[in-house]
Amino acid sequence: MSSTERSPAVIGRRSSLEREREREREGESEREVRERERGERERRERERERERERERERERERAEKRERERSSLEI
């Protein structure tokens, strides 16, 4: 075994390639993993944005209700 083959960088790269080959054998390539993870992150972000919008809507409704109550007390 040459010194190049034993270097940590080569070992790490080899194990990364081996892991990718194993995932491909299992039916999911590194690219597919990244795409799936990106899709999951995007889905979670969309859900967080929907929740923020729902909270803004609830706050608007509370503010309108407070305003109606305040107006009815002034009469």
PDB file of N, CA and C in Angstrom:
ATOM      1  N   MET A   1       0.853  -1.176   0.000  1.00  0.00           N
ATOM      2  CA  MET A   1       0.000   0.000   0.000  1.00  0.00           C
ATOM      3  C   MET A   1       0.895   1.235   0.000  1.00  0.00           C
ATOM      4  N   SER A   2       0.659   2.166  -0.892  1.00  0.00           N
ATOM      5  CA  SER A   2       1.481   3.371  -0.963  1.00  0.00           C
ATOM      6  C   SER A   2       1.053   4.356   0.114  1.00  0.00           C
ATOM      7  N   SER A   3       1.905   5.347   0.374  1.00  0.00           N
ATOM      8  CA  SER A   3       1.574   6.352   1.392  1.00  0.00           C
ATOM      9  C   SER A   3       0.340   7.147   0.979  1.00  0.00           C
ATOM     10  N   THR A   4       0.132   7.316  -0.316  1.00  0.00           N
ATOM     11  CA  THR A   4      -1.054   8.034  -0.798  1.00  0.00           C
ATOM     12  C   THR A   4      -2.319   7.266  -0.438  1.00  0.00           C
ATOM     13  N   GLU A   5      -2.305   5.963  -0.596  1.00  0.00           N
ATOM     14  CA  GLU A   5      -3.490   5.156  -0.291  1.00  0.00           C
ATOM     15  C   GLU A   5      -3.840   5.186   1.188  1.00  0.00           C
ATOM     16  N   ARG A   6      -2.815   5.410   2.043  1.00  0.00           N
ATOM     17  CA  ARG A   6      -3.054   5.403   3.486  1.00  0.00           C
ATOM     18  C   ARG A   6      -3.432   6.768   4.036  1.00  0.00           C
ATOM     19  N   SER A   7      -3.312   7.824   3.239  1.00  0.00           N
ATOM     20  CA  SER A   7      -3.583   9.160   3.775  1.00  0.00           C
ATOM     21  C   SER A   7      -5.066   9.278   4.148  1.00  0.00           C
ATOM     22  N   PRO A   8      -5.364   9.991   5.227  1.00  0.00           N
ATOM     23  CA  PRO A   8      -6.756  10.140   5.679  1.00  0.00           C
ATOM     24  C   PRO A   8      -7.675  10.703   4.604  1.00  0.00           C
ATOM     25  N   ALA A   9      -7.166  11.640   3.792  1.00  0.00           N
ATOM     26  CA  ALA A   9      -8.007  12.229   2.747  1.00  0.00           C
ATOM     27  C   ALA A   9      -8.446  11.167   1.748  1.00  0.00           C
ATOM     28  N   VAL A  10      -7.515  10.307   1.365  1.00  0.00           N
ATOM     29  CA  VAL A  10      -7.843   9.244   0.412  1.00  0.00           C
ATOM     30  C   VAL A  10      -8.786   8.240   1.062  1.00  0.00           C
ATOM     31  N   ILE A  11      -8.524   7.892   2.312  1.00  0.00           N
ATOM     32  CA  ILE A  11      -9.392   6.949   3.021  1.00  0.00           C
ATOM     33  C   ILE A  11     -10.796   7.526   3.139  1.00  0.00           C
ATOM     34  N   GLY A  12     -10.905   8.808   3.510  1.00  0.00           N
ATOM     35  CA  GLY A  12     -12.211   9.457   3.629  1.00  0.00           C
ATOM     36  C   GLY A  12     -12.944   9.495   2.305  1.00  0.00           C
ATOM     37  N   ARG A  13     -12.220   9.809   1.251  1.00  0.00           N
ATOM     38  CA  ARG A  13     -12.833   9.881  -0.070  1.00  0.00           C
ATOM     39  C   ARG A  13     -13.299   8.492  -0.495  1.00  0.00           C
ATOM     40  N   ARG A  14     -12.462   7.506  -0.245  1.00  0.00           N
ATOM     41  CA  ARG A  14     -12.825   6.143  -0.610  1.00  0.00           C
ATOM     42  C   ARG A  14     -14.075   5.715   0.158  1.00  0.00           C
ATOM     43  N   SER A  15     -14.125   5.989   1.457  1.00  0.00           N
ATOM     44  CA  SER A  15     -15.287   5.552   2.224  1.00  0.00           C
ATOM     45  C   SER A  15     -16.534   6.307   1.769  1.00  0.00           C
ATOM     46  N   SER A  16     -16.365   7.565   1.362  1.00  0.00           N
ATOM     47  CA  SER A  16     -17.500   8.324   0.846  1.00  0.00           C
ATOM     48  C   SER A  16     -18.007   7.676  -0.443  1.00  0.00           C
ATOM     49  N   LEU A  17     -17.076   7.305  -1.315  1.00  0.00           N
ATOM     50  CA  LEU A  17     -17.469   6.622  -2.552  1.00  0.00           C
ATOM     51  C   LEU A  17     -18.124   5.282  -2.245  1.00  0.00           C
ATOM     52  N   GLU A  18     -17.560   4.576  -1.274  1.00  0.00           N
ATOM     53  CA  GLU A  18     -18.152   3.286  -0.899  1.00  0.00           C
ATOM     54  C   GLU A  18     -19.564   3.477  -0.358  1.00  0.00           C
ATOM     55  N   ARG A  19     -19.751   4.515   0.469  1.00  0.00           N
ATOM     56  CA  ARG A  19     -21.095   4.783   1.004  1.00  0.00           C
ATOM     57  C   ARG A  19     -22.056   5.119  -0.130  1.00  0.00           C
ATOM     58  N   GLU A  20     -21.590   5.917  -1.097  1.00  0.00           N
ATOM     59  CA  GLU A  20     -22.452   6.270  -2.217  1.00  0.00           C
ATOM     60  C   GLU A  20     -22.804   5.026  -3.035  1.00  0.00           C
ATOM     61  N   ARG A  21     -21.811   4.178  -3.285  1.00  0.00           N
ATOM     62  CA  ARG A  21     -22.098   2.941  -4.026  1.00  0.00           C
ATOM     63  C   ARG A  21     -23.102   2.071  -3.279  1.00  0.00           C
ATOM     64  N   GLU A  22     -22.964   2.009  -1.960  1.00  0.00           N
ATOM     65  CA  GLU A  22     -23.896   1.205  -1.170  1.00  0.00           C
ATOM     66  C   GLU A  22     -25.315   1.767  -1.269  1.00  0.00           C
ATOM     67  N   ARG A  23     -25.450   3.091  -1.181  1.00  0.00           N
ATOM     68  CA  ARG A  23     -26.779   3.708  -1.315  1.00  0.00           C
ATOM     69  C   ARG A  23     -27.347   3.447  -2.702  1.00  0.00           C
ATOM     70  N   GLU A  24     -26.478   3.515  -3.729  1.00  0.00           N
ATOM     71  CA  GLU A  24     -26.955   3.240  -5.080  1.00  0.00           C
ATOM     72  C   GLU A  24     -27.436   1.798  -5.189  1.00  0.00           C
ATOM     73  N   ARG A  25     -26.706   0.882  -4.556  1.00  0.00           N
ATOM     74  CA  ARG A  25     -27.153  -0.516  -4.557  1.00  0.00           C
ATOM     75  C   ARG A  25     -28.494  -0.629  -3.836  1.00  0.00           C
ATOM     76  N   GLU A  26     -28.672   0.198  -2.804  1.00  0.00           N
ATOM     77  CA  GLU A  26     -29.927   0.178  -2.050  1.00  0.00           C
ATOM     78  C   GLU A  26     -31.006   0.994  -2.757  1.00  0.00           C
ATOM     79  N   GLY A  27     -30.652   1.617  -3.883  1.00  0.00           N
ATOM     80  CA  GLY A  27     -31.642   2.305  -4.693  1.00  0.00           C
ATOM     81  C   GLY A  27     -31.686   3.810  -4.518  1.00  0.00           C
ATOM     82  N   GLU A  28     -30.760   4.410  -3.766  1.00  0.00           N
ATOM     83  CA  GLU A  28     -30.803   5.856  -3.574  1.00  0.00           C
ATOM     84  C   GLU A  28     -29.393   6.427  -3.698  1.00  0.00           C
ATOM     85  N   SER A  29     -29.167   7.221  -4.740  1.00  0.00           N
ATOM     86  CA  SER A  29     -27.840   7.810  -4.954  1.00  0.00           C
ATOM     87  C   SER A  29     -27.644   9.020  -4.044  1.00  0.00           C
ATOM     88  N   GLU A  30     -26.410   9.465  -3.954  1.00  0.00           N
ATOM     89  CA  GLU A  30     -26.086  10.666  -3.159  1.00  0.00           C
ATOM     90  C   GLU A  30     -26.918  11.853  -3.643  1.00  0.00           C
ATOM     91  N   ARG A  31     -27.046  11.989  -4.958  1.00  0.00           N
ATOM     92  CA  ARG A  31     -27.834  13.084  -5.524  1.00  0.00           C
ATOM     93  C   ARG A  31     -29.288  12.965  -5.089  1.00  0.00           C
ATOM     94  N   GLU A  32     -29.817  11.756  -5.128  1.00  0.00           N
ATOM     95  CA  GLU A  32     -31.207  11.550  -4.710  1.00  0.00           C
ATOM     96  C   GLU A  32     -31.393  11.876  -3.233  1.00  0.00           C
ATOM     97  N   VAL A  33     -30.408  11.528  -2.416  1.00  0.00           N
ATOM     98  CA  VAL A  33     -30.476  11.847  -0.984  1.00  0.00           C
ATOM     99  C   VAL A  33     -30.519  13.358  -0.813  1.00  0.00           C
ATOM    100  N   ARG A  34     -29.624  14.073  -1.502  1.00  0.00           N
ATOM    101  CA  ARG A  34     -29.597  15.543  -1.389  1.00  0.00           C
ATOM    102  C   ARG A  34     -30.915  16.142  -1.861  1.00  0.00           C
ATOM    103  N   GLU A  35     -31.452  15.639  -2.974  1.00  0.00           N
ATOM    104  CA  GLU A  35     -32.720  16.161  -3.490  1.00  0.00           C
ATOM    105  C   GLU A  35     -33.857  15.901  -2.510  1.00  0.00           C
ATOM    106  N   ARG A  36     -33.888  14.709  -1.933  1.00  0.00           N
ATOM    107  CA  ARG A  36     -34.933  14.369  -0.967  1.00  0.00           C
ATOM    108  C   ARG A  36     -34.828  15.267   0.261  1.00  0.00           C
ATOM    109  N   GLU A  37     -33.602  15.435   0.773  1.00  0.00           N
ATOM    110  CA  GLU A  37     -33.408  16.283   1.951  1.00  0.00           C
ATOM    111  C   GLU A  37     -33.774  17.729   1.647  1.00  0.00           C
ATOM    112  N   ARG A  38     -33.413  18.213   0.456  1.00  0.00           N
ATOM    113  CA  ARG A  38     -33.769  19.585   0.078  1.00  0.00           C
ATOM    114  C   ARG A  38     -35.287  19.726   0.006  1.00  0.00           C
ATOM    115  N   GLY A  39     -35.950  18.755  -0.583  1.00  0.00           N
ATOM    116  CA  GLY A  39     -37.409  18.788  -0.654  1.00  0.00           C
ATOM    117  C   GLY A  39     -38.042  18.811   0.728  1.00  0.00           C
ATOM    118  N   GLU A  40     -37.481  18.030   1.644  1.00  0.00           N
ATOM    119  CA  GLU A  40     -38.013  18.017   3.012  1.00  0.00           C
ATOM    120  C   GLU A  40     -37.807  19.365   3.686  1.00  0.00           C
ATOM    121  N   ARG A  41     -36.629  19.974   3.488  1.00  0.00           N
ATOM    122  CA  ARG A  41     -36.374  21.305   4.074  1.00  0.00           C
ATOM    123  C   ARG A  41     -37.345  22.332   3.505  1.00  0.00           C
ATOM    124  N   GLU A  42     -37.556  22.289   2.182  1.00  0.00           N
ATOM    125  CA  GLU A  42     -38.472  23.240   1.550  1.00  0.00           C
ATOM    126  C   GLU A  42     -39.893  23.038   2.056  1.00  0.00           C
ATOM    127  N   ARG A  43     -40.309  21.788   2.232  1.00  0.00           N
ATOM    128  CA  ARG A  43     -41.651  21.497   2.741  1.00  0.00           C
ATOM    129  C   ARG A  43     -41.810  22.037   4.163  1.00  0.00           C
ATOM    130  N   ARG A  44     -40.781  21.818   5.010  1.00  0.00           N
ATOM    131  CA  ARG A  44     -40.845  22.339   6.387  1.00  0.00           C
ATOM    132  C   ARG A  44     -40.905  23.861   6.394  1.00  0.00           C
ATOM    133  N   GLU A  45     -40.140  24.504   5.511  1.00  0.00           N
ATOM    134  CA  GLU A  45     -40.155  25.974   5.448  1.00  0.00           C
ATOM    135  C   GLU A  45     -41.527  26.476   4.996  1.00  0.00           C
ATOM    136  N   ARG A  46     -42.128  25.816   4.003  1.00  0.00           N
ATOM    137  CA  ARG A  46     -43.475  26.221   3.569  1.00  0.00           C
ATOM    138  C   ARG A  46     -44.471  26.071   4.712  1.00  0.00           C
ATOM    139  N   GLU A  47     -44.359  24.994   5.469  1.00  0.00           N
ATOM    140  CA  GLU A  47     -45.264  24.779   6.604  1.00  0.00           C
ATOM    141  C   GLU A  47     -45.050  25.857   7.665  1.00  0.00           C
ATOM    142  N   ARG A  48     -43.794  26.206   7.940  1.00  0.00           N
ATOM    143  CA  ARG A  48     -43.530  27.287   8.918  1.00  0.00           C
ATOM    144  C   ARG A  48     -44.132  28.597   8.430  1.00  0.00           C
ATOM    145  N   GLU A  49     -44.013  28.890   7.136  1.00  0.00           N
ATOM    146  CA  GLU A  49     -44.576  30.124   6.586  1.00  0.00           C
ATOM    147  C   GLU A  49     -46.102  30.105   6.694  1.00  0.00           C
ATOM    148  N   ARG A  50     -46.714  28.962   6.418  1.00  0.00           N
ATOM    149  CA  ARG A  50     -48.182  28.872   6.570  1.00  0.00           C
ATOM    150  C   ARG A  50     -48.578  29.118   8.019  1.00  0.00           C
ATOM    151  N   GLU A  51     -47.824  28.566   8.954  1.00  0.00           N
ATOM    152  CA  GLU A  51     -48.134  28.768  10.378  1.00  0.00           C
ATOM    153  C   GLU A  51     -47.961  30.238  10.762  1.00  0.00           C
ATOM    154  N   ARG A  52     -46.908  30.878  10.248  1.00  0.00           N
ATOM    155  CA  ARG A  52     -46.734  32.315  10.541  1.00  0.00           C
ATOM    156  C   ARG A  52     -47.905  33.109   9.980  1.00  0.00           C
ATOM    157  N   GLU A  53     -48.373  32.775   8.785  1.00  0.00           N
ATOM    158  CA  GLU A  53     -49.513  33.475   8.180  1.00  0.00           C
ATOM    159  C   GLU A  53     -50.778  33.243   9.005  1.00  0.00           C
ATOM    160  N   ARG A  54     -50.983  32.012   9.470  1.00  0.00           N
ATOM    161  CA  ARG A  54     -52.157  31.740  10.318  1.00  0.00           C
ATOM    162  C   ARG A  54     -52.088  32.564  11.600  1.00  0.00           C
ATOM    163  N   GLU A  55     -50.907  32.672  12.186  1.00  0.00           N
ATOM    164  CA  GLU A  55     -50.751  33.467  13.416  1.00  0.00           C
ATOM    165  C   GLU A  55     -51.013  34.944  13.142  1.00  0.00           C
ATOM    166  N   ARG A  56     -50.534  35.462  12.006  1.00  0.00           N
ATOM    167  CA  ARG A  56     -50.824  36.866  11.660  1.00  0.00           C
ATOM    168  C   ARG A  56     -52.325  37.075  11.501  1.00  0.00           C
ATOM    169  N   GLU A  57     -53.003  36.120  10.870  1.00  0.00           N
ATOM    170  CA  GLU A  57     -54.458  36.225  10.684  1.00  0.00           C
ATOM    171  C   GLU A  57     -55.165  36.202  12.040  1.00  0.00           C
ATOM    172  N   ARG A  58     -54.745  35.310  12.935  1.00  0.00           N
ATOM    173  CA  ARG A  58     -55.357  35.270  14.277  1.00  0.00           C
ATOM    174  C   ARG A  58     -55.140  36.592  14.998  1.00  0.00           C
ATOM    175  N   GLU A  59     -53.955  37.168  14.869  1.00  0.00           N
ATOM    176  CA  GLU A  59     -53.678  38.461  15.524  1.00  0.00           C
ATOM    177  C   GLU A  59     -54.550  39.559  14.929  1.00  0.00           C
ATOM    178  N   ARG A  60     -54.735  39.566  13.602  1.00  0.00           N
ATOM    179  CA  ARG A  60     -55.629  40.556  12.976  1.00  0.00           C
ATOM    180  C   ARG A  60     -57.041  40.417  13.524  1.00  0.00           C
ATOM    181  N   GLU A  61     -57.508  39.167  13.627  1.00  0.00           N
ATOM    182  CA  GLU A  61     -58.858  38.938  14.154  1.00  0.00           C
ATOM    183  C   GLU A  61     -58.975  39.414  15.597  1.00  0.00           C
ATOM    184  N   ARG A  62     -57.960  39.155  16.418  1.00  0.00           N
ATOM    185  CA  ARG A  62     -57.990  39.626  17.817  1.00  0.00           C
ATOM    186  C   ARG A  62     -58.012  41.149  17.866  1.00  0.00           C
ATOM    187  N   ALA A  63     -57.218  41.794  17.010  1.00  0.00           N
ATOM    188  CA  ALA A  63     -57.177  43.259  16.985  1.00  0.00           C
ATOM    189  C   ALA A  63     -58.534  43.816  16.556  1.00  0.00           C
ATOM    190  N   GLU A  64     -59.155  43.211  15.546  1.00  0.00           N
ATOM    191  CA  GLU A  64     -60.478  43.663  15.104  1.00  0.00           C
ATOM    192  C   GLU A  64     -61.502  43.494  16.217  1.00  0.00           C
ATOM    193  N   LYS A  65     -61.445  42.376  16.919  1.00  0.00           N
ATOM    194  CA  LYS A  65     -62.383  42.126  18.016  1.00  0.00           C
ATOM    195  C   LYS A  65     -62.186  43.164  19.120  1.00  0.00           C
ATOM    196  N   ARG A  66     -60.923  43.447  19.477  1.00  0.00           N
ATOM    197  CA  ARG A  66     -60.659  44.471  20.504  1.00  0.00           C
ATOM    198  C   ARG A  66     -61.201  45.820  20.055  1.00  0.00           C
ATOM    199  N   GLU A  67     -61.011  46.152  18.784  1.00  0.00           N
ATOM    200  CA  GLU A  67     -61.498  47.431  18.258  1.00  0.00           C
ATOM    201  C   GLU A  67     -63.023  47.486  18.312  1.00  0.00           C
ATOM    202  N   ARG A  68     -63.691  46.400  17.933  1.00  0.00           N
ATOM    203  CA  ARG A  68     -65.164  46.371  18.006  1.00  0.00           C
ATOM    204  C   ARG A  68     -65.633  46.535  19.445  1.00  0.00           C
ATOM    205  N   GLU A  69     -64.976  45.837  20.370  1.00  0.00           N
ATOM    206  CA  GLU A  69     -65.360  45.942  21.786  1.00  0.00           C
ATOM    207  C   GLU A  69     -65.132  47.359  22.298  1.00  0.00           C
ATOM    208  N   ARG A  70     -64.017  47.958  21.935  1.00  0.00           N
ATOM    209  CA  ARG A  70     -63.721  49.322  22.362  1.00  0.00           C
ATOM    210  C   ARG A  70     -64.754  50.286  21.789  1.00  0.00           C
ATOM    211  N   SER A  71     -65.111  50.098  20.505  1.00  0.00           N
ATOM    212  CA  SER A  71     -66.103  50.964  19.866  1.00  0.00           C
ATOM    213  C   SER A  71     -67.462  50.819  20.536  1.00  0.00           C
ATOM    214  N   SER A  72     -67.841  49.602  20.884  1.00  0.00           N
ATOM    215  CA  SER A  72     -69.157  49.397  21.499  1.00  0.00           C
ATOM    216  C   SER A  72     -69.200  49.998  22.899  1.00  0.00           C
ATOM    217  N   LEU A  73     -68.082  50.074  23.585  1.00  0.00           N
ATOM    218  CA  LEU A  73     -68.048  50.676  24.922  1.00  0.00           C
ATOM    219  C   LEU A  73     -68.152  52.193  24.851  1.00  0.00           C
ATOM    220  N   GLU A  74     -67.705  52.784  23.755  1.00  0.00           N
ATOM    221  CA  GLU A  74     -67.749  54.240  23.615  1.00  0.00           C
ATOM    222  C   GLU A  74     -69.158  54.738  23.356  1.00  0.00           C
ATOM    223  N   ILE A  75     -70.018  53.909  22.827  1.00  0.00           N
ATOM    224  CA  ILE A  75     -71.380  54.328  22.457  1.00  0.00           C
ATOM    225  C   ILE A  75     -72.240  54.523  23.680  1.00  0.00           C
TER     226      ILE A  75
END
